[in-house]
Amino acid sequence: MTREQMLLVLLFAGLLLIGLLIAWLRAMRPDGEDARIPYERPDFRDRAGFAVRDIPGDEIVELQGCYLSHRNTVGELEFRIEPGWKAVLRVAQAANSLHLEELDGPYDENHVVYLDGVRVLVRSSPGGLFLGSWTRGDFRYALYCEEGEMGMTGGLIDDFVREMDAAAG
């Protein structure tokens, strides 16, 4: 083997080693899938390219927190619903997943309702477990409650479907 051939083999081996090191370092760092970035208000334009412009105005629904998650593609709005129940609304541009598999539960009922012409898939169970999901315009939405009064979230879903509004830009 000539000196040039040995140099090429060493160069190739060095590049391969550097590539493996970069791949290992990427595998070791957090991938951002579980990272939740807190926001003061639901304006995610800096990272996700959209903002939530309107939320339900019902007096028993209070916005408690705003987060950006799932590799900066999903906005999460946490609500307190009187008398103390918690609801999470996820919103993302229609091309992105809402990662509803994380909210998969033992739902006893699945049905579709239409609210102002918007198709809403409703999943629920006794005890208040609830997941309602819909698409309007260029955005996907999902409202999730782990517990609550029976029918409470079903009664509020129409407010969320009609009043939630997100916009790109």
N, C-alpha and C. Protein backbone atom coordinates (compact mmCIF):
# COMPACT_ATOMS: atom_id res chain seq x y z
N MET A 1 0.86 -1.16 0.00
CA MET A 1 0.00 0.00 0.00
C MET A 1 0.91 1.23 0.00
N THR A 2 0.60 2.15 -0.87
CA THR A 2 1.42 3.36 -0.97
C THR A 2 1.05 4.31 0.16
N ARG A 3 1.91 5.30 0.35
CA ARG A 3 1.72 6.31 1.39
C ARG A 3 0.41 7.09 1.16
N GLU A 4 0.08 7.41 -0.10
CA GLU A 4 -1.15 8.13 -0.42
C GLU A 4 -2.38 7.30 -0.10
N GLN A 5 -2.32 6.01 -0.38
CA GLN A 5 -3.44 5.14 -0.08
C GLN A 5 -3.65 5.02 1.43
N MET A 6 -2.56 4.96 2.18
CA MET A 6 -2.66 4.89 3.65
C MET A 6 -3.27 6.18 4.20
N LEU A 7 -2.87 7.32 3.62
CA LEU A 7 -3.44 8.59 4.05
C LEU A 7 -4.94 8.64 3.77
N LEU A 8 -5.34 8.15 2.59
CA LEU A 8 -6.76 8.12 2.27
C LEU A 8 -7.54 7.22 3.22
N VAL A 9 -6.99 6.07 3.56
CA VAL A 9 -7.64 5.15 4.51
C VAL A 9 -7.75 5.82 5.87
N LEU A 10 -6.69 6.47 6.34
CA LEU A 10 -6.72 7.17 7.63
C LEU A 10 -7.71 8.33 7.61
N LEU A 11 -7.74 9.06 6.51
CA LEU A 11 -8.69 10.17 6.38
C LEU A 11 -10.12 9.65 6.42
N PHE A 12 -10.39 8.58 5.68
CA PHE A 12 -11.73 7.98 5.69
C PHE A 12 -12.10 7.50 7.09
N ALA A 13 -11.19 6.82 7.77
CA ALA A 13 -11.44 6.32 9.12
C ALA A 13 -11.70 7.49 10.08
N GLY A 14 -10.94 8.57 9.94
CA GLY A 14 -11.15 9.75 10.78
C GLY A 14 -12.51 10.38 10.56
N LEU A 15 -12.91 10.50 9.30
CA LEU A 15 -14.24 11.05 8.99
C LEU A 15 -15.35 10.16 9.52
N LEU A 16 -15.17 8.86 9.39
CA LEU A 16 -16.15 7.92 9.92
C LEU A 16 -16.25 8.04 11.44
N LEU A 17 -15.13 8.16 12.11
CA LEU A 17 -15.11 8.33 13.56
C LEU A 17 -15.80 9.63 13.98
N ILE A 18 -15.56 10.70 13.27
CA ILE A 18 -16.20 11.98 13.56
C ILE A 18 -17.72 11.87 13.36
N GLY A 19 -18.14 11.21 12.29
CA GLY A 19 -19.57 11.01 12.04
C GLY A 19 -20.24 10.21 13.13
N LEU A 20 -19.56 9.15 13.58
CA LEU A 20 -20.10 8.34 14.67
C LEU A 20 -20.18 9.14 15.97
N LEU A 21 -19.19 9.98 16.24
CA LEU A 21 -19.19 10.82 17.43
C LEU A 21 -20.33 11.82 17.40
N ILE A 22 -20.57 12.43 16.25
CA ILE A 22 -21.68 13.39 16.11
C ILE A 22 -23.01 12.67 16.33
N ALA A 23 -23.17 11.50 15.74
CA ALA A 23 -24.42 10.74 15.90
C ALA A 23 -24.63 10.36 17.35
N TRP A 24 -23.58 9.95 18.04
CA TRP A 24 -23.68 9.58 19.46
C TRP A 24 -24.06 10.80 20.31
N LEU A 25 -23.43 11.95 20.05
CA LEU A 25 -23.76 13.16 20.81
C LEU A 25 -25.20 13.59 20.60
N ARG A 26 -25.70 13.47 19.38
CA ARG A 26 -27.11 13.81 19.11
C ARG A 26 -28.05 12.85 19.82
N ALA A 27 -27.67 11.58 19.87
CA ALA A 27 -28.51 10.59 20.54
C ALA A 27 -28.54 10.81 22.05
N MET A 28 -27.50 11.35 22.60
CA MET A 28 -27.40 11.55 24.05
C MET A 28 -28.11 12.82 24.52
N ARG A 29 -28.27 13.80 23.67
CA ARG A 29 -28.91 15.05 24.10
C ARG A 29 -30.42 14.90 24.07
N PRO A 30 -31.13 15.67 24.88
CA PRO A 30 -32.59 15.61 24.82
C PRO A 30 -33.06 16.02 23.43
N ASP A 31 -34.06 15.31 22.92
CA ASP A 31 -34.50 15.58 21.56
C ASP A 31 -35.55 16.67 21.46
N GLY A 32 -35.98 17.21 22.59
CA GLY A 32 -36.95 18.29 22.56
C GLY A 32 -38.38 17.79 22.50
N GLU A 33 -38.58 16.49 22.36
CA GLU A 33 -39.93 15.94 22.27
C GLU A 33 -40.72 16.23 23.55
N ASP A 34 -40.08 16.11 24.70
CA ASP A 34 -40.78 16.31 25.96
C ASP A 34 -40.58 17.71 26.51
N ALA A 35 -39.74 18.50 25.90
CA ALA A 35 -39.48 19.84 26.42
C ALA A 35 -40.72 20.72 26.23
N ARG A 36 -41.09 21.40 27.30
CA ARG A 36 -42.22 22.35 27.24
C ARG A 36 -41.64 23.72 27.55
N ILE A 37 -41.80 24.63 26.62
CA ILE A 37 -41.28 25.98 26.78
C ILE A 37 -42.43 26.86 27.25
N PRO A 38 -42.32 27.47 28.43
CA PRO A 38 -43.41 28.32 28.91
C PRO A 38 -43.47 29.65 28.17
N TYR A 39 -44.68 30.14 27.97
CA TYR A 39 -44.94 31.44 27.34
C TYR A 39 -45.89 32.23 28.24
N GLU A 40 -45.78 33.54 28.21
CA GLU A 40 -46.70 34.38 28.98
C GLU A 40 -48.09 34.39 28.37
N ARG A 41 -48.17 34.33 27.07
CA ARG A 41 -49.45 34.31 26.36
C ARG A 41 -49.29 33.38 25.15
N PRO A 42 -50.40 32.97 24.55
CA PRO A 42 -50.32 31.96 23.49
C PRO A 42 -49.88 32.52 22.13
N ASP A 43 -48.75 33.17 22.11
CA ASP A 43 -48.17 33.71 20.88
C ASP A 43 -46.88 32.96 20.60
N PHE A 44 -46.96 31.97 19.74
CA PHE A 44 -45.84 31.07 19.47
C PHE A 44 -45.18 31.38 18.13
N ARG A 45 -45.37 32.59 17.63
CA ARG A 45 -44.86 32.95 16.31
C ARG A 45 -43.34 32.86 16.22
N ASP A 46 -42.62 33.11 17.31
CA ASP A 46 -41.16 33.12 17.25
C ASP A 46 -40.57 31.75 16.94
N ARG A 47 -41.21 30.66 17.38
CA ARG A 47 -40.67 29.33 17.15
C ARG A 47 -41.57 28.46 16.27
N ALA A 48 -42.88 28.59 16.43
CA ALA A 48 -43.81 27.71 15.72
C ALA A 48 -44.51 28.38 14.55
N GLY A 49 -44.45 29.70 14.47
CA GLY A 49 -45.04 30.40 13.34
C GLY A 49 -46.53 30.64 13.43
N PHE A 50 -47.11 30.56 14.64
CA PHE A 50 -48.54 30.84 14.80
C PHE A 50 -48.82 31.39 16.19
N ALA A 51 -49.99 31.99 16.30
CA ALA A 51 -50.46 32.52 17.58
C ALA A 51 -51.93 32.18 17.75
N VAL A 52 -52.33 31.97 18.99
CA VAL A 52 -53.74 31.78 19.29
C VAL A 52 -54.31 33.16 19.56
N ARG A 53 -55.30 33.55 18.75
CA ARG A 53 -55.83 34.91 18.83
C ARG A 53 -57.06 35.02 19.71
N ASP A 54 -57.77 33.91 19.89
CA ASP A 54 -59.00 33.99 20.66
C ASP A 54 -59.20 32.70 21.43
N ILE A 55 -59.67 32.83 22.67
CA ILE A 55 -59.98 31.68 23.52
C ILE A 55 -61.40 31.86 24.06
N PRO A 56 -62.01 30.80 24.58
CA PRO A 56 -63.38 30.92 25.08
C PRO A 56 -63.51 32.00 26.14
N GLY A 57 -64.61 32.74 26.05
CA GLY A 57 -64.85 33.84 26.99
C GLY A 57 -65.78 33.46 28.13
N ASP A 58 -66.05 32.18 28.31
CA ASP A 58 -66.92 31.72 29.38
C ASP A 58 -66.29 32.05 30.73
N GLU A 59 -67.11 32.54 31.68
CA GLU A 59 -66.56 32.97 32.97
C GLU A 59 -66.05 31.82 33.83
N ILE A 60 -66.44 30.58 33.52
CA ILE A 60 -65.93 29.47 34.33
C ILE A 60 -64.64 28.88 33.75
N VAL A 61 -64.17 29.43 32.64
CA VAL A 61 -62.95 28.96 31.99
C VAL A 61 -61.87 30.02 32.13
N GLU A 62 -60.74 29.65 32.77
CA GLU A 62 -59.66 30.62 32.99
C GLU A 62 -58.33 30.05 32.48
N LEU A 63 -57.66 30.79 31.62
CA LEU A 63 -56.35 30.38 31.10
C LEU A 63 -55.32 30.43 32.22
N GLN A 64 -54.63 29.32 32.46
CA GLN A 64 -53.66 29.21 33.54
C GLN A 64 -52.21 29.19 33.06
N GLY A 65 -51.96 28.69 31.84
CA GLY A 65 -50.59 28.60 31.36
C GLY A 65 -50.54 28.32 29.88
N CYS A 66 -49.43 28.72 29.27
CA CYS A 66 -49.21 28.52 27.83
C CYS A 66 -47.83 27.89 27.65
N TYR A 67 -47.75 26.90 26.80
CA TYR A 67 -46.50 26.19 26.57
C TYR A 67 -46.37 25.84 25.09
N LEU A 68 -45.15 25.69 24.65
CA LEU A 68 -44.86 25.18 23.32
C LEU A 68 -44.13 23.86 23.52
N SER A 69 -44.57 22.82 22.82
CA SER A 69 -43.99 21.50 23.04
C SER A 69 -43.83 20.76 21.71
N HIS A 70 -43.38 19.53 21.83
CA HIS A 70 -43.23 18.62 20.69
C HIS A 70 -42.43 19.26 19.56
N ARG A 71 -41.20 19.54 19.89
CA ARG A 71 -40.25 20.12 18.92
C ARG A 71 -40.77 21.41 18.32
N ASN A 72 -41.35 22.23 19.20
CA ASN A 72 -41.83 23.57 18.83
C ASN A 72 -42.91 23.56 17.77
N THR A 73 -43.80 22.56 17.81
CA THR A 73 -44.87 22.49 16.83
C THR A 73 -46.26 22.53 17.45
N VAL A 74 -46.37 22.27 18.74
CA VAL A 74 -47.68 22.17 19.39
C VAL A 74 -47.79 23.20 20.52
N GLY A 75 -48.81 24.04 20.44
CA GLY A 75 -49.11 24.95 21.53
C GLY A 75 -50.03 24.24 22.51
N GLU A 76 -49.74 24.39 23.80
CA GLU A 76 -50.57 23.79 24.84
C GLU A 76 -51.07 24.90 25.75
N LEU A 77 -52.37 25.00 25.89
CA LEU A 77 -52.98 25.99 26.76
C LEU A 77 -53.67 25.25 27.89
N GLU A 78 -53.28 25.58 29.11
CA GLU A 78 -53.88 24.93 30.27
C GLU A 78 -54.96 25.85 30.83
N PHE A 79 -56.12 25.27 31.08
CA PHE A 79 -57.26 26.01 31.60
C PHE A 79 -57.69 25.44 32.94
N ARG A 80 -58.20 26.30 33.78
CA ARG A 80 -58.88 25.90 35.01
C ARG A 80 -60.37 26.12 34.74
N ILE A 81 -61.13 25.08 34.98
CA ILE A 81 -62.56 25.15 34.78
C ILE A 81 -63.23 25.01 36.14
N GLU A 82 -64.03 26.00 36.51
CA GLU A 82 -64.71 25.97 37.81
C GLU A 82 -65.47 24.67 37.97
N PRO A 83 -65.42 24.06 39.13
CA PRO A 83 -64.91 24.54 40.40
C PRO A 83 -63.46 24.15 40.69
N GLY A 84 -62.71 23.68 39.72
CA GLY A 84 -61.32 23.33 39.96
C GLY A 84 -60.80 22.23 39.07
N TRP A 85 -61.47 21.98 37.98
CA TRP A 85 -61.03 20.98 37.03
C TRP A 85 -59.98 21.58 36.09
N LYS A 86 -59.17 20.71 35.53
CA LYS A 86 -58.10 21.16 34.61
C LYS A 86 -58.39 20.63 33.21
N ALA A 87 -58.18 21.47 32.22
CA ALA A 87 -58.31 21.08 30.81
C ALA A 87 -57.07 21.56 30.07
N VAL A 88 -56.67 20.81 29.08
CA VAL A 88 -55.53 21.18 28.23
C VAL A 88 -56.02 21.22 26.79
N LEU A 89 -55.75 22.32 26.14
CA LEU A 89 -56.07 22.44 24.72
C LEU A 89 -54.77 22.45 23.95
N ARG A 90 -54.68 21.58 22.96
CA ARG A 90 -53.52 21.56 22.07
C ARG A 90 -53.92 22.15 20.74
N VAL A 91 -53.00 22.90 20.15
CA VAL A 91 -53.23 23.50 18.83
C VAL A 91 -51.94 23.40 18.03
N ALA A 92 -52.09 23.08 16.75
CA ALA A 92 -50.94 22.98 15.85
C ALA A 92 -51.41 23.27 14.43
N GLN A 93 -50.48 23.67 13.61
CA GLN A 93 -50.81 23.84 12.20
C GLN A 93 -51.21 22.48 11.66
N ALA A 94 -52.15 22.46 10.72
CA ALA A 94 -52.76 21.22 10.23
C ALA A 94 -51.74 20.19 9.74
N ALA A 95 -50.59 20.63 9.27
CA ALA A 95 -49.58 19.70 8.78
C ALA A 95 -48.86 18.97 9.91
N ASN A 96 -49.01 19.42 11.15
CA ASN A 96 -48.31 18.83 12.28
C ASN A 96 -49.24 17.99 13.14
N SER A 97 -48.66 17.02 13.81
CA SER A 97 -49.42 16.14 14.71
C SER A 97 -49.69 16.83 16.04
N LEU A 98 -50.82 16.52 16.64
CA LEU A 98 -51.12 16.99 18.00
C LEU A 98 -50.63 15.97 19.04
N HIS A 99 -50.08 14.86 18.60
CA HIS A 99 -49.58 13.80 19.47
C HIS A 99 -50.67 13.32 20.44
N LEU A 100 -51.81 13.01 19.87
CA LEU A 100 -52.94 12.56 20.67
C LEU A 100 -52.74 11.17 21.26
N GLU A 101 -51.76 10.43 20.73
CA GLU A 101 -51.47 9.11 21.29
C GLU A 101 -51.08 9.21 22.77
N GLU A 102 -50.55 10.34 23.18
CA GLU A 102 -50.22 10.55 24.60
C GLU A 102 -51.47 10.71 25.45
N LEU A 103 -52.58 11.04 24.83
CA LEU A 103 -53.82 11.28 25.55
C LEU A 103 -54.77 10.10 25.39
N ASP A 104 -54.22 8.99 24.90
CA ASP A 104 -55.03 7.80 24.68
C ASP A 104 -55.44 7.24 26.03
N GLY A 105 -56.70 7.04 26.20
CA GLY A 105 -57.19 6.52 27.46
C GLY A 105 -58.26 5.49 27.22
N PRO A 106 -58.81 4.98 28.26
CA PRO A 106 -59.92 4.03 28.09
C PRO A 106 -61.22 4.79 27.85
N TYR A 107 -61.43 5.23 26.63
CA TYR A 107 -62.65 5.96 26.29
C TYR A 107 -63.77 4.96 26.00
N ASP A 108 -64.91 5.15 26.64
CA ASP A 108 -66.05 4.25 26.45
C ASP A 108 -66.89 4.65 25.25
N GLU A 109 -66.92 5.93 24.94
CA GLU A 109 -67.76 6.41 23.86
C GLU A 109 -66.94 7.18 22.84
N ASN A 110 -67.24 6.95 21.58
CA ASN A 110 -66.66 7.71 20.47
C ASN A 110 -67.81 8.11 19.56
N HIS A 111 -67.92 9.39 19.30
CA HIS A 111 -68.94 9.84 18.36
C HIS A 111 -68.53 11.16 17.73
N VAL A 112 -69.21 11.49 16.65
CA VAL A 112 -68.92 12.71 15.91
C VAL A 112 -70.10 13.66 16.07
N VAL A 113 -69.78 14.93 16.35
CA VAL A 113 -70.79 15.97 16.37
C VAL A 113 -70.35 17.07 15.42
N TYR A 114 -71.29 17.84 14.95
CA TYR A 114 -70.99 18.97 14.08
C TYR A 114 -71.41 20.25 14.79
N LEU A 115 -70.47 21.16 14.99
CA LEU A 115 -70.73 22.44 15.64
C LEU A 115 -70.38 23.54 14.65
N ASP A 116 -71.37 24.29 14.23
CA ASP A 116 -71.19 25.34 13.22
C ASP A 116 -70.49 24.82 11.98
N GLY A 117 -70.83 23.60 11.59
CA GLY A 117 -70.25 23.00 10.40
C GLY A 117 -68.88 22.39 10.59
N VAL A 118 -68.36 22.40 11.81
CA VAL A 118 -67.04 21.83 12.10
C VAL A 118 -67.24 20.42 12.66
N ARG A 119 -66.57 19.45 12.06
CA ARG A 119 -66.65 18.06 12.50
C ARG A 119 -65.76 17.88 13.73
N VAL A 120 -66.37 17.41 14.82
CA VAL A 120 -65.64 17.21 16.08
C VAL A 120 -65.75 15.75 16.48
N LEU A 121 -64.61 15.10 16.66
CA LEU A 121 -64.58 13.73 17.16
C LEU A 121 -64.52 13.81 18.68
N VAL A 122 -65.50 13.22 19.34
CA VAL A 122 -65.60 13.28 20.80
C VAL A 122 -65.39 11.88 21.36
N ARG A 123 -64.47 11.77 22.31
CA ARG A 123 -64.22 10.52 23.02
C ARG A 123 -64.42 10.83 24.51
N SER A 124 -65.15 9.98 25.21
CA SER A 124 -65.40 10.26 26.62
C SER A 124 -65.63 8.97 27.38
N SER A 125 -65.54 9.11 28.71
CA SER A 125 -65.78 8.00 29.63
C SER A 125 -66.40 8.55 30.90
N PRO A 126 -67.11 7.69 31.63
CA PRO A 126 -67.63 8.13 32.93
C PRO A 126 -66.48 8.61 33.82
N GLY A 127 -66.76 9.60 34.63
CA GLY A 127 -65.72 10.15 35.49
C GLY A 127 -65.09 11.39 34.88
N GLY A 128 -65.45 11.72 33.66
CA GLY A 128 -65.00 12.96 33.07
C GLY A 128 -63.89 12.87 32.06
N LEU A 129 -63.26 11.69 31.87
CA LEU A 129 -62.20 11.58 30.87
C LEU A 129 -62.79 11.99 29.52
N PHE A 130 -62.14 12.95 28.85
CA PHE A 130 -62.72 13.54 27.65
C PHE A 130 -61.62 13.97 26.70
N LEU A 131 -61.84 13.72 25.41
CA LEU A 131 -60.96 14.21 24.36
C LEU A 131 -61.82 14.58 23.16
N GLY A 132 -61.80 15.85 22.82
CA GLY A 132 -62.49 16.33 21.63
C GLY A 132 -61.47 16.89 20.66
N SER A 133 -61.54 16.51 19.39
CA SER A 133 -60.55 17.00 18.43
C SER A 133 -61.25 17.44 17.15
N TRP A 134 -60.71 18.50 16.54
CA TRP A 134 -61.30 19.06 15.34
C TRP A 134 -60.25 19.82 14.55
N THR A 135 -60.57 20.09 13.30
CA THR A 135 -59.73 20.89 12.41
C THR A 135 -60.58 22.04 11.89
N ARG A 136 -60.03 23.24 11.96
CA ARG A 136 -60.71 24.39 11.38
C ARG A 136 -59.67 25.25 10.69
N GLY A 137 -59.91 25.52 9.42
CA GLY A 137 -58.94 26.29 8.66
C GLY A 137 -57.63 25.53 8.55
N ASP A 138 -56.54 26.21 8.83
CA ASP A 138 -55.21 25.61 8.73
C ASP A 138 -54.70 25.06 10.05
N PHE A 139 -55.60 24.83 11.02
CA PHE A 139 -55.17 24.41 12.35
C PHE A 139 -55.97 23.22 12.87
N ARG A 140 -55.28 22.43 13.68
CA ARG A 140 -55.89 21.29 14.38
C ARG A 140 -55.95 21.64 15.86
N TYR A 141 -57.00 21.18 16.51
CA TYR A 141 -57.21 21.46 17.92
C TYR A 141 -57.62 20.18 18.64
N ALA A 142 -57.31 20.10 19.93
CA ALA A 142 -57.79 18.99 20.76
C ALA A 142 -57.95 19.50 22.19
N LEU A 143 -59.10 19.23 22.78
CA LEU A 143 -59.38 19.59 24.17
C LEU A 143 -59.41 18.31 24.98
N TYR A 144 -58.62 18.27 26.07
CA TYR A 144 -58.46 17.06 26.88
C TYR A 144 -58.71 17.38 28.34
N CYS A 145 -59.48 16.52 28.99
CA CYS A 145 -59.69 16.60 30.44
C CYS A 145 -59.54 15.19 31.00
N GLU A 146 -58.74 15.06 32.06
CA GLU A 146 -58.59 13.76 32.70
C GLU A 146 -59.77 13.43 33.59
N GLU A 147 -60.31 14.46 34.24
CA GLU A 147 -61.44 14.24 35.12
C GLU A 147 -62.32 15.48 35.17
N GLY A 148 -63.52 15.28 35.60
CA GLY A 148 -64.46 16.38 35.68
C GLY A 148 -65.85 15.85 35.94
N GLU A 149 -66.77 16.72 36.03
CA GLU A 149 -68.16 16.31 36.22
C GLU A 149 -68.67 15.71 34.91
N MET A 150 -69.46 14.70 35.03
CA MET A 150 -69.99 14.03 33.84
C MET A 150 -70.72 15.05 32.97
N GLY A 151 -70.33 15.15 31.70
CA GLY A 151 -70.98 16.05 30.77
C GLY A 151 -70.44 17.48 30.79
N MET A 152 -69.59 17.82 31.78
CA MET A 152 -69.08 19.19 31.89
C MET A 152 -68.34 19.59 30.63
N THR A 153 -67.38 18.78 30.22
CA THR A 153 -66.57 19.15 29.06
C THR A 153 -67.39 19.09 27.79
N GLY A 154 -68.30 18.12 27.71
CA GLY A 154 -69.17 18.04 26.56
C GLY A 154 -70.01 19.30 26.40
N GLY A 155 -70.34 19.93 27.52
CA GLY A 155 -71.08 21.17 27.47
C GLY A 155 -70.23 22.36 27.08
N LEU A 156 -68.92 22.26 27.32
CA LEU A 156 -68.01 23.37 27.00
C LEU A 156 -67.37 23.25 25.62
N ILE A 157 -67.42 22.05 25.04
CA ILE A 157 -66.71 21.85 23.77
C ILE A 157 -67.20 22.82 22.70
N ASP A 158 -68.50 23.14 22.73
CA ASP A 158 -69.00 24.06 21.70
C ASP A 158 -68.38 25.44 21.83
N ASP A 159 -68.11 25.90 23.08
CA ASP A 159 -67.43 27.18 23.26
C ASP A 159 -66.01 27.13 22.69
N PHE A 160 -65.31 26.04 22.94
CA PHE A 160 -63.94 25.93 22.44
C PHE A 160 -63.92 25.85 20.91
N VAL A 161 -64.80 25.06 20.33
CA VAL A 161 -64.82 24.91 18.88
C VAL A 161 -65.18 26.24 18.21
N ARG A 162 -66.17 26.93 18.75
CA ARG A 162 -66.62 28.17 18.12
C ARG A 162 -65.67 29.34 18.36
N GLU A 163 -65.02 29.39 19.53
CA GLU A 163 -64.27 30.58 19.90
C GLU A 163 -62.76 30.47 19.76
N MET A 164 -62.20 29.27 19.70
CA MET A 164 -60.75 29.13 19.53
C MET A 164 -60.36 29.58 18.13
N ASP A 165 -59.34 30.40 18.05
CA ASP A 165 -58.89 30.87 16.75
C ASP A 165 -57.39 31.05 16.77
N ALA A 166 -56.71 30.39 15.85
CA ALA A 166 -55.27 30.53 15.70
C ALA A 166 -54.98 31.06 14.31
N ALA A 167 -53.84 31.72 14.18
CA ALA A 167 -53.46 32.29 12.87
C ALA A 167 -51.95 32.16 12.68
N ALA A 168 -51.56 31.89 11.46
CA ALA A 168 -50.14 31.82 11.12
C ALA A 168 -49.57 33.22 11.02
N GLY A 169 -48.25 33.26 11.17
CA GLY A 169 -47.59 34.55 10.98
C GLY A 169 -47.01 35.02 12.18
